[in-house]
């Protein structure tokens, strides 16, 4: 649909098993840009076969990489996606109608994100609606943030869409655990070194996170996947505390010497 005012920006690395679903879901896009940071699994070739413009660029961090991808799209509106996301047909229709009717002061749209994990759509435990600003006029928006907390900052009015963006974030439990390990390491690297009291506080925070996900936010309603999510979420909270303490111990050891 070459007349569509919406283009798509994606960042990727080694996503050949998932990015095809994304590309299948954005047939409405005027322009599709994939910024790849070193894939060696066929991601680049797949994207080019599907008609996307692929730009190779060294990894510069989540916010910087996404900002660059958005800046390369040739369209008045840009939908910013991750490689593990897909646009539902209902959302595609809603977006096109929304931008067609958008007033000049409207700078962006937020949308709910619905995640699938262990064969189930997860609607509780804090995972839904997980609303994200993703569709913006690129001149009125910028990716900001450090580490794991990047977000689109929009200058202007933002309206809400109701149809979901589909998210296939974790391939399996092992993938979730690997992500938890990686993200907790990144977190610890951006925080000040912690003492032993911070680790003990982590126990309480982890317990609180489990209760929040499983009880308060009704994760139990998602069955066994809901339980696994609550347990792993609490484990992630504890690891952030523990790795911050570990960082402090390494610094102390380096100052003391052998």
C-alpha atoms as a PDB file:
ATOM      1  CA  UNK A   1       0.000   0.000   0.000  1.00  0.00           C
ATOM      2  CA  UNK A   2       2.357   2.708  -1.302  1.00  0.00           C
ATOM      3  CA  UNK A   3      -0.059   5.534  -0.421  1.00  0.00           C
ATOM      4  CA  UNK A   4      -0.014   4.693   3.285  1.00  0.00           C
ATOM      5  CA  UNK A   5       1.429   7.508   5.430  1.00  0.00           C
ATOM      6  CA  UNK A   6       2.942   4.981   7.849  1.00  0.00           C
ATOM      7  CA  UNK A   7       6.482   3.652   7.675  1.00  0.00           C
ATOM      8  CA  UNK A   8       8.093   1.126  10.016  1.00  0.00           C
ATOM      9  CA  UNK A   9      11.410   1.220  11.887  1.00  0.00           C
ATOM     10  CA  UNK A  10      12.918  -1.951  13.371  1.00  0.00           C
ATOM     11  CA  UNK A  11      16.200  -2.798  15.085  1.00  0.00           C
ATOM     12  CA  UNK A  12      17.429  -6.375  14.925  1.00  0.00           C
ATOM     13  CA  UNK A  13      20.221  -8.848  15.501  1.00  0.00           C
ATOM     14  CA  UNK A  14      19.847 -12.595  14.836  1.00  0.00           C
ATOM     15  CA  UNK A  15      16.053 -12.570  14.643  1.00  0.00           C
ATOM     16  CA  UNK A  16      15.524 -14.786  11.598  1.00  0.00           C
ATOM     17  CA  UNK A  17      13.084 -17.020  13.503  1.00  0.00           C
ATOM     18  CA  UNK A  18      10.808 -14.125  14.461  1.00  0.00           C
ATOM     19  CA  UNK A  19      11.179 -11.148  12.173  1.00  0.00           C
ATOM     20  CA  UNK A  20       9.369 -12.857   9.314  1.00  0.00           C
ATOM     21  CA  UNK A  21       6.147 -12.690  11.313  1.00  0.00           C
ATOM     22  CA  UNK A  22       6.658  -8.980  11.845  1.00  0.00           C
ATOM     23  CA  UNK A  23       7.227  -8.380   8.143  1.00  0.00           C
ATOM     24  CA  UNK A  24       4.119 -10.379   7.249  1.00  0.00           C
ATOM     25  CA  UNK A  25       2.059  -8.149   9.532  1.00  0.00           C
ATOM     26  CA  UNK A  26       3.074  -4.756   8.067  1.00  0.00           C
ATOM     27  CA  UNK A  27       1.970  -5.009   4.471  1.00  0.00           C
ATOM     28  CA  UNK A  28       0.376  -1.587   4.877  1.00  0.00           C
ATOM     29  CA  UNK A  29       3.736   0.170   5.389  1.00  0.00           C
ATOM     30  CA  UNK A  30       5.028   2.715   2.884  1.00  0.00           C
ATOM     31  CA  UNK A  31       8.651   2.143   3.897  1.00  0.00           C
ATOM     32  CA  UNK A  32      10.293  -0.478   6.122  1.00  0.00           C
ATOM     33  CA  UNK A  33      13.767   0.111   7.568  1.00  0.00           C
ATOM     34  CA  UNK A  34      15.611  -2.595   9.511  1.00  0.00           C
ATOM     35  CA  UNK A  35      18.784  -1.482  11.280  1.00  0.00           C
ATOM     36  CA  UNK A  36      20.861  -4.592  11.860  1.00  0.00           C
ATOM     37  CA  UNK A  37      23.741  -4.737  14.330  1.00  0.00           C
ATOM     38  CA  UNK A  38      25.636  -7.772  13.070  1.00  0.00           C
ATOM     39  CA  UNK A  39      23.295 -10.673  12.359  1.00  0.00           C
ATOM     40  CA  UNK A  40      24.870 -13.878  11.108  1.00  0.00           C
ATOM     41  CA  UNK A  41      21.776 -16.104  11.012  1.00  0.00           C
ATOM     42  CA  UNK A  42      20.122 -14.963   7.790  1.00  0.00           C
ATOM     43  CA  UNK A  43      18.126 -12.062   9.252  1.00  0.00           C
ATOM     44  CA  UNK A  44      19.542  -9.551   6.760  1.00  0.00           C
ATOM     45  CA  UNK A  45      18.884 -11.757   3.749  1.00  0.00           C
ATOM     46  CA  UNK A  46      15.319 -12.510   4.858  1.00  0.00           C
ATOM     47  CA  UNK A  47      14.490  -8.848   5.381  1.00  0.00           C
ATOM     48  CA  UNK A  48      15.862  -7.853   1.988  1.00  0.00           C
ATOM     49  CA  UNK A  49      13.900 -10.618   0.265  1.00  0.00           C
ATOM     50  CA  UNK A  50      10.747  -9.265   1.909  1.00  0.00           C
ATOM     51  CA  UNK A  51      11.402  -5.762   0.570  1.00  0.00           C
ATOM     52  CA  UNK A  52      12.796  -4.043   3.667  1.00  0.00           C
ATOM     53  CA  UNK A  53      15.686  -1.608   3.457  1.00  0.00           C
ATOM     54  CA  UNK A  54      18.424  -3.029   5.663  1.00  0.00           C
ATOM     55  CA  UNK A  55      21.099  -0.777   7.134  1.00  0.00           C
ATOM     56  CA  UNK A  56      24.068  -2.311   8.934  1.00  0.00           C
ATOM     57  CA  UNK A  57      25.170  -0.332  11.986  1.00  0.00           C
ATOM     58  CA  UNK A  58      27.266  -1.171  15.026  1.00  0.00           C
ATOM     59  CA  UNK A  59      25.313  -1.383  18.271  1.00  0.00           C
ATOM     60  CA  UNK A  60      25.133   1.984  20.046  1.00  0.00           C
ATOM     61  CA  UNK A  61      22.552   1.232  22.734  1.00  0.00           C
ATOM     62  CA  UNK A  62      18.785   0.769  22.605  1.00  0.00           C
ATOM     63  CA  UNK A  63      17.715   4.419  22.491  1.00  0.00           C
ATOM     64  CA  UNK A  64      20.408   5.532  20.045  1.00  0.00           C
ATOM     65  CA  UNK A  65      19.834   2.583  17.720  1.00  0.00           C
ATOM     66  CA  UNK A  66      16.071   3.095  17.673  1.00  0.00           C
ATOM     67  CA  UNK A  67      16.450   6.824  17.108  1.00  0.00           C
ATOM     68  CA  UNK A  68      18.703   6.176  14.128  1.00  0.00           C
ATOM     69  CA  UNK A  69      16.263   3.632  12.668  1.00  0.00           C
ATOM     70  CA  UNK A  70      13.354   6.059  13.009  1.00  0.00           C
ATOM     71  CA  UNK A  71      15.359   8.833  11.328  1.00  0.00           C
ATOM     72  CA  UNK A  72      15.901   6.664   8.241  1.00  0.00           C
ATOM     73  CA  UNK A  73      12.220   5.982   7.494  1.00  0.00           C
ATOM     74  CA  UNK A  74      10.724   7.970   4.634  1.00  0.00           C
ATOM     75  CA  UNK A  75       7.149   8.508   5.802  1.00  0.00           C
ATOM     76  CA  UNK A  76       5.191  11.195   7.686  1.00  0.00           C
ATOM     77  CA  UNK A  77       4.321   8.711  10.443  1.00  0.00           C
ATOM     78  CA  UNK A  78       6.690   6.062  11.839  1.00  0.00           C
ATOM     79  CA  UNK A  79       5.684   2.908  13.681  1.00  0.00           C
ATOM     80  CA  UNK A  80       8.579   1.783  15.879  1.00  0.00           C
ATOM     81  CA  UNK A  81       8.684  -1.983  16.370  1.00  0.00           C
ATOM     82  CA  UNK A  82      10.911  -4.622  17.941  1.00  0.00           C
ATOM     83  CA  UNK A  83      11.727  -7.739  15.940  1.00  0.00           C
ATOM     84  CA  UNK A  84       9.623  -9.902  18.283  1.00  0.00           C
ATOM     85  CA  UNK A  85       6.440  -7.873  17.716  1.00  0.00           C
ATOM     86  CA  UNK A  86       3.633  -8.085  15.156  1.00  0.00           C
ATOM     87  CA  UNK A  87       0.810  -5.762  14.177  1.00  0.00           C
ATOM     88  CA  UNK A  88      -2.596  -7.368  14.552  1.00  0.00           C
ATOM     89  CA  UNK A  89      -4.954  -6.809  11.588  1.00  0.00           C
ATOM     90  CA  UNK A  90      -7.310  -4.881  13.861  1.00  0.00           C
ATOM     91  CA  UNK A  91      -4.476  -2.563  14.971  1.00  0.00           C
ATOM     92  CA  UNK A  92      -3.346  -2.037  11.377  1.00  0.00           C
ATOM     93  CA  UNK A  93      -6.834  -0.852  10.417  1.00  0.00           C
ATOM     94  CA  UNK A  94      -7.150   1.307  13.517  1.00  0.00           C
ATOM     95  CA  UNK A  95      -3.796   2.993  12.945  1.00  0.00           C
ATOM     96  CA  UNK A  96      -4.533   3.861   9.335  1.00  0.00           C
ATOM     97  CA  UNK A  97      -7.901   5.348  10.225  1.00  0.00           C
ATOM     98  CA  UNK A  98      -6.364   7.272  13.129  1.00  0.00           C
ATOM     99  CA  UNK A  99      -3.563   8.925  11.145  1.00  0.00           C
ATOM    100  CA  UNK A 100      -5.947   9.771   8.311  1.00  0.00           C
ATOM    101  CA  UNK A 101      -8.097  11.725  10.780  1.00  0.00           C
ATOM    102  CA  UNK A 102      -5.238  13.156  12.873  1.00  0.00           C
ATOM    103  CA  UNK A 103      -5.225  16.885  13.548  1.00  0.00           C
ATOM    104  CA  UNK A 104      -2.014  18.887  13.169  1.00  0.00           C
ATOM    105  CA  UNK A 105      -1.416  19.043  16.939  1.00  0.00           C
ATOM    106  CA  UNK A 106      -1.493  15.253  17.280  1.00  0.00           C
ATOM    107  CA  UNK A 107       2.071  13.938  17.558  1.00  0.00           C
ATOM    108  CA  UNK A 108       1.658  10.266  18.404  1.00  0.00           C
ATOM    109  CA  UNK A 109      -0.409   7.301  19.458  1.00  0.00           C
ATOM    110  CA  UNK A 110      -0.031   4.768  22.239  1.00  0.00           C
ATOM    111  CA  UNK A 111      -1.319   1.210  22.008  1.00  0.00           C
ATOM    112  CA  UNK A 112      -1.714  -1.768  24.344  1.00  0.00           C
ATOM    113  CA  UNK A 113       0.798  -4.603  23.936  1.00  0.00           C
ATOM    114  CA  UNK A 114      -0.376  -8.179  24.381  1.00  0.00           C
ATOM    115  CA  UNK A 115       2.357 -10.759  25.043  1.00  0.00           C
ATOM    116  CA  UNK A 116       2.348 -14.472  24.323  1.00  0.00           C
ATOM    117  CA  UNK A 117       4.357 -16.847  26.530  1.00  0.00           C
ATOM    118  CA  UNK A 118       4.347 -20.643  26.865  1.00  0.00           C
ATOM    119  CA  UNK A 119       1.459 -21.008  24.429  1.00  0.00           C
ATOM    120  CA  UNK A 120      -0.810 -18.489  26.136  1.00  0.00           C
ATOM    121  CA  UNK A 121      -1.753 -14.827  25.769  1.00  0.00           C
ATOM    122  CA  UNK A 122      -0.859 -13.227  29.096  1.00  0.00           C
ATOM    123  CA  UNK A 123      -3.488 -10.757  30.312  1.00  0.00           C
ATOM    124  CA  UNK A 124      -2.562 -10.434  33.990  1.00  0.00           C
ATOM    125  CA  UNK A 125       0.430 -10.158  36.301  1.00  0.00           C
ATOM    126  CA  UNK A 126       1.325  -6.688  35.063  1.00  0.00           C
ATOM    127  CA  UNK A 127       1.961  -7.822  31.497  1.00  0.00           C
ATOM    128  CA  UNK A 128      -1.178  -6.260  30.011  1.00  0.00           C
ATOM    129  CA  UNK A 129      -2.139  -3.710  28.794  1.00  0.00           C
ATOM    130  CA  UNK A 130       1.563  -2.649  28.891  1.00  0.00           C
ATOM    131  CA  UNK A 131       0.689   0.462  26.867  1.00  0.00           C
ATOM    132  CA  UNK A 132       3.465   1.832  24.616  1.00  0.00           C
ATOM    133  CA  UNK A 133       3.868   4.953  22.491  1.00  0.00           C
ATOM    134  CA  UNK A 134       5.035   3.574  19.153  1.00  0.00           C
ATOM    135  CA  UNK A 135       3.337   5.467  16.303  1.00  0.00           C
ATOM    136  CA  UNK A 136       4.644   9.033  15.990  1.00  0.00           C
ATOM    137  CA  UNK A 137       5.382  11.908  13.709  1.00  0.00           C
ATOM    138  CA  UNK A 138       9.190  11.519  13.665  1.00  0.00           C
ATOM    139  CA  UNK A 139       9.855  15.244  13.867  1.00  0.00           C
ATOM    140  CA  UNK A 140       7.923  15.420  17.135  1.00  0.00           C
ATOM    141  CA  UNK A 141       9.440  12.402  18.895  1.00  0.00           C
ATOM    142  CA  UNK A 142      12.786  11.187  20.134  1.00  0.00           C
ATOM    143  CA  UNK A 143      14.028   8.002  21.791  1.00  0.00           C
ATOM    144  CA  UNK A 144      15.580   8.743  25.171  1.00  0.00           C
ATOM    145  CA  UNK A 145      16.880   6.743  28.127  1.00  0.00           C
ATOM    146  CA  UNK A 146      19.851   4.686  29.163  1.00  0.00           C
ATOM    147  CA  UNK A 147      20.362   0.979  29.578  1.00  0.00           C
ATOM    148  CA  UNK A 148      17.046  -0.870  29.603  1.00  0.00           C
ATOM    149  CA  UNK A 149      14.625   2.019  30.005  1.00  0.00           C
ATOM    150  CA  UNK A 150      14.427   3.637  26.588  1.00  0.00           C
ATOM    151  CA  UNK A 151      11.161   5.309  25.611  1.00  0.00           C
ATOM    152  CA  UNK A 152       9.734   7.674  23.043  1.00  0.00           C
ATOM    153  CA  UNK A 153       9.477  11.242  24.264  1.00  0.00           C
ATOM    154  CA  UNK A 154       6.834  13.087  22.273  1.00  0.00           C
ATOM    155  CA  UNK A 155       6.378  16.841  21.872  1.00  0.00           C
ATOM    156  CA  UNK A 156       2.659  17.241  21.361  1.00  0.00           C
ATOM    157  CA  UNK A 157      -0.610  15.466  22.003  1.00  0.00           C
ATOM    158  CA  UNK A 158      -0.716  11.667  22.211  1.00  0.00           C
ATOM    159  CA  UNK A 159      -3.963   9.750  21.640  1.00  0.00           C
ATOM    160  CA  UNK A 160      -4.718   6.168  22.659  1.00  0.00           C
ATOM    161  CA  UNK A 161      -5.483   3.288  20.327  1.00  0.00           C
ATOM    162  CA  UNK A 162      -7.415   0.288  21.613  1.00  0.00           C
ATOM    163  CA  UNK A 163      -6.292  -2.641  19.460  1.00  0.00           C
ATOM    164  CA  UNK A 164      -3.239  -4.629  20.591  1.00  0.00           C
ATOM    165  CA  UNK A 165       0.308  -4.832  19.352  1.00  0.00           C
ATOM    166  CA  UNK A 166       1.267  -8.511  19.590  1.00  0.00           C
ATOM    167  CA  UNK A 167       4.463  -9.404  21.416  1.00  0.00           C
ATOM    168  CA  UNK A 168       6.352 -12.724  21.239  1.00  0.00           C
ATOM    169  CA  UNK A 169       9.041 -11.723  23.699  1.00  0.00           C
ATOM    170  CA  UNK A 170      10.414 -15.018  25.016  1.00  0.00           C
ATOM    171  CA  UNK A 171      10.838 -18.117  22.918  1.00  0.00           C
ATOM    172  CA  UNK A 172      10.762 -20.362  26.008  1.00  0.00           C
ATOM    173  CA  UNK A 173      11.688 -20.389  29.704  1.00  0.00           C
ATOM    174  CA  UNK A 174      15.408 -20.662  28.960  1.00  0.00           C
ATOM    175  CA  UNK A 175      15.187 -17.575  26.763  1.00  0.00           C
ATOM    176  CA  UNK A 176      13.471 -15.684  29.591  1.00  0.00           C
ATOM    177  CA  UNK A 177      16.169 -16.716  32.061  1.00  0.00           C
ATOM    178  CA  UNK A 178      18.944 -15.686  29.657  1.00  0.00           C
ATOM    179  CA  UNK A 179      17.246 -12.301  29.229  1.00  0.00           C
ATOM    180  CA  UNK A 180      16.925 -11.897  33.005  1.00  0.00           C
ATOM    181  CA  UNK A 181      20.629 -12.652  33.399  1.00  0.00           C
ATOM    182  CA  UNK A 182      21.635 -10.208  30.671  1.00  0.00           C
ATOM    183  CA  UNK A 183      19.326  -7.398  31.787  1.00  0.00           C
ATOM    184  CA  UNK A 184      20.268  -7.701  35.468  1.00  0.00           C
ATOM    185  CA  UNK A 185      23.929  -7.385  34.474  1.00  0.00           C
ATOM    186  CA  UNK A 186      23.178  -4.259  32.458  1.00  0.00           C
ATOM    187  CA  UNK A 187      21.223  -2.854  35.408  1.00  0.00           C
ATOM    188  CA  UNK A 188      24.088  -3.468  37.838  1.00  0.00           C
ATOM    189  CA  UNK A 189      26.482  -1.760  35.463  1.00  0.00           C
ATOM    190  CA  UNK A 190      24.448   1.437  35.554  1.00  0.00           C
ATOM    191  CA  UNK A 191      23.992   1.600  39.345  1.00  0.00           C
ATOM    192  CA  UNK A 192      26.310   2.529  42.153  1.00  0.00           C
ATOM    193  CA  UNK A 193      27.981  -0.329  44.007  1.00  0.00           C
ATOM    194  CA  UNK A 194      25.832  -1.702  46.844  1.00  0.00           C
ATOM    195  CA  UNK A 195      26.604  -3.050  50.295  1.00  0.00           C
ATOM    196  CA  UNK A 196      25.318  -6.242  51.908  1.00  0.00           C
ATOM    197  CA  UNK A 197      22.217  -4.463  53.210  1.00  0.00           C
ATOM    198  CA  UNK A 198      21.144  -3.836  49.638  1.00  0.00           C
ATOM    199  CA  UNK A 199      21.192  -7.591  48.966  1.00  0.00           C
ATOM    200  CA  UNK A 200      19.083  -8.285  52.052  1.00  0.00           C
ATOM    201  CA  UNK A 201      16.649  -5.610  50.908  1.00  0.00           C
ATOM    202  CA  UNK A 202      16.523  -7.483  47.622  1.00  0.00           C
ATOM    203  CA  UNK A 203      14.920 -10.434  49.395  1.00  0.00           C
ATOM    204  CA  UNK A 204      12.031  -8.249  50.518  1.00  0.00           C
ATOM    205  CA  UNK A 205      11.748  -6.576  47.142  1.00  0.00           C
ATOM    206  CA  UNK A 206      11.714  -9.969  45.406  1.00  0.00           C
ATOM    207  CA  UNK A 207       8.965 -11.242  47.698  1.00  0.00           C
ATOM    208  CA  UNK A 208       6.998  -8.069  47.079  1.00  0.00           C
ATOM    209  CA  UNK A 209       7.411  -8.489  43.328  1.00  0.00           C
ATOM    210  CA  UNK A 210       6.072 -12.034  43.455  1.00  0.00           C
ATOM    211  CA  UNK A 211       3.026 -10.964  45.444  1.00  0.00           C
ATOM    212  CA  UNK A 212       2.475  -8.020  43.114  1.00  0.00           C
ATOM    213  CA  UNK A 213       2.589 -10.155  39.961  1.00  0.00           C
ATOM    214  CA  UNK A 214       0.841 -13.276  41.193  1.00  0.00           C
ATOM    215  CA  UNK A 215      -1.708 -11.967  43.717  1.00  0.00           C
ATOM    216  CA  UNK A 216      -2.334  -8.233  43.419  1.00  0.00           C
ATOM    217  CA  UNK A 217      -2.202  -8.192  39.590  1.00  0.00           C
ATOM    218  CA  UNK A 218      -3.892 -11.608  39.360  1.00  0.00           C
ATOM    219  CA  UNK A 219      -1.129 -13.522  37.613  1.00  0.00           C
ATOM    220  CA  UNK A 220      -2.702 -16.701  38.988  1.00  0.00           C
ATOM    221  CA  UNK A 221      -5.419 -16.258  36.377  1.00  0.00           C
ATOM    222  CA  UNK A 222      -2.869 -17.068  33.662  1.00  0.00           C
ATOM    223  CA  UNK A 223      -2.303 -20.580  35.010  1.00  0.00           C
ATOM    224  CA  UNK A 224       1.163 -22.140  35.135  1.00  0.00           C
ATOM    225  CA  UNK A 225       2.633 -19.490  32.790  1.00  0.00           C
ATOM    226  CA  UNK A 226       1.428 -16.841  35.262  1.00  0.00           C
ATOM    227  CA  UNK A 227       3.206 -18.606  38.118  1.00  0.00           C
ATOM    228  CA  UNK A 228       6.424 -18.900  36.123  1.00  0.00           C
ATOM    229  CA  UNK A 229       6.270 -15.218  35.208  1.00  0.00           C
ATOM    230  CA  UNK A 230       5.818 -14.201  38.860  1.00  0.00           C
ATOM    231  CA  UNK A 231       8.679 -16.423  40.033  1.00  0.00           C
ATOM    232  CA  UNK A 232      11.076 -15.244  37.344  1.00  0.00           C
ATOM    233  CA  UNK A 233      10.097 -11.604  37.857  1.00  0.00           C
ATOM    234  CA  UNK A 234      10.961 -11.880  41.545  1.00  0.00           C
ATOM    235  CA  UNK A 235      14.231 -13.627  40.667  1.00  0.00           C
ATOM    236  CA  UNK A 236      15.096 -10.747  38.331  1.00  0.00           C
ATOM    237  CA  UNK A 237      14.537  -8.246  41.137  1.00  0.00           C
ATOM    238  CA  UNK A 238      16.828 -10.183  43.481  1.00  0.00           C
ATOM    239  CA  UNK A 239      19.542 -10.583  40.838  1.00  0.00           C
ATOM    240  CA  UNK A 240      19.638  -6.823  40.281  1.00  0.00           C
ATOM    241  CA  UNK A 241      20.389  -6.329  43.967  1.00  0.00           C
ATOM    242  CA  UNK A 242      22.885  -9.186  44.153  1.00  0.00           C
ATOM    243  CA  UNK A 243      24.831  -8.086  41.070  1.00  0.00           C
ATOM    244  CA  UNK A 244      25.012  -4.519  42.335  1.00  0.00           C
ATOM    245  CA  UNK A 245      26.583  -5.888  45.521  1.00  0.00           C
ATOM    246  CA  UNK A 246      28.959  -8.033  43.447  1.00  0.00           C
ATOM    247  CA  UNK A 247      30.070  -4.927  41.557  1.00  0.00           C
ATOM    248  CA  UNK A 248      30.961  -3.312  44.872  1.00  0.00           C
ATOM    249  CA  UNK A 249      32.942  -6.335  45.997  1.00  0.00           C
ATOM    250  CA  UNK A 250      34.973  -6.309  42.803  1.00  0.00           C
ATOM    251  CA  UNK A 251      35.847  -2.665  43.285  1.00  0.00           C
ATOM    252  CA  UNK A 252      36.928  -3.267  46.864  1.00  0.00           C
ATOM    253  CA  UNK A 253      39.091  -6.211  45.796  1.00  0.00           C
ATOM    254  CA  UNK A 254      40.741  -4.209  43.003  1.00  0.00           C
ATOM    255  CA  UNK A 255      41.670  -1.436  45.460  1.00  0.00           C
ATOM    256  CA  UNK A 256      43.140  -3.860  47.960  1.00  0.00           C
ATOM    257  CA  UNK A 257      45.196  -5.726  45.423  1.00  0.00           C
ATOM    258  CA  UNK A 258      46.450  -9.309  45.809  1.00  0.00           C
END
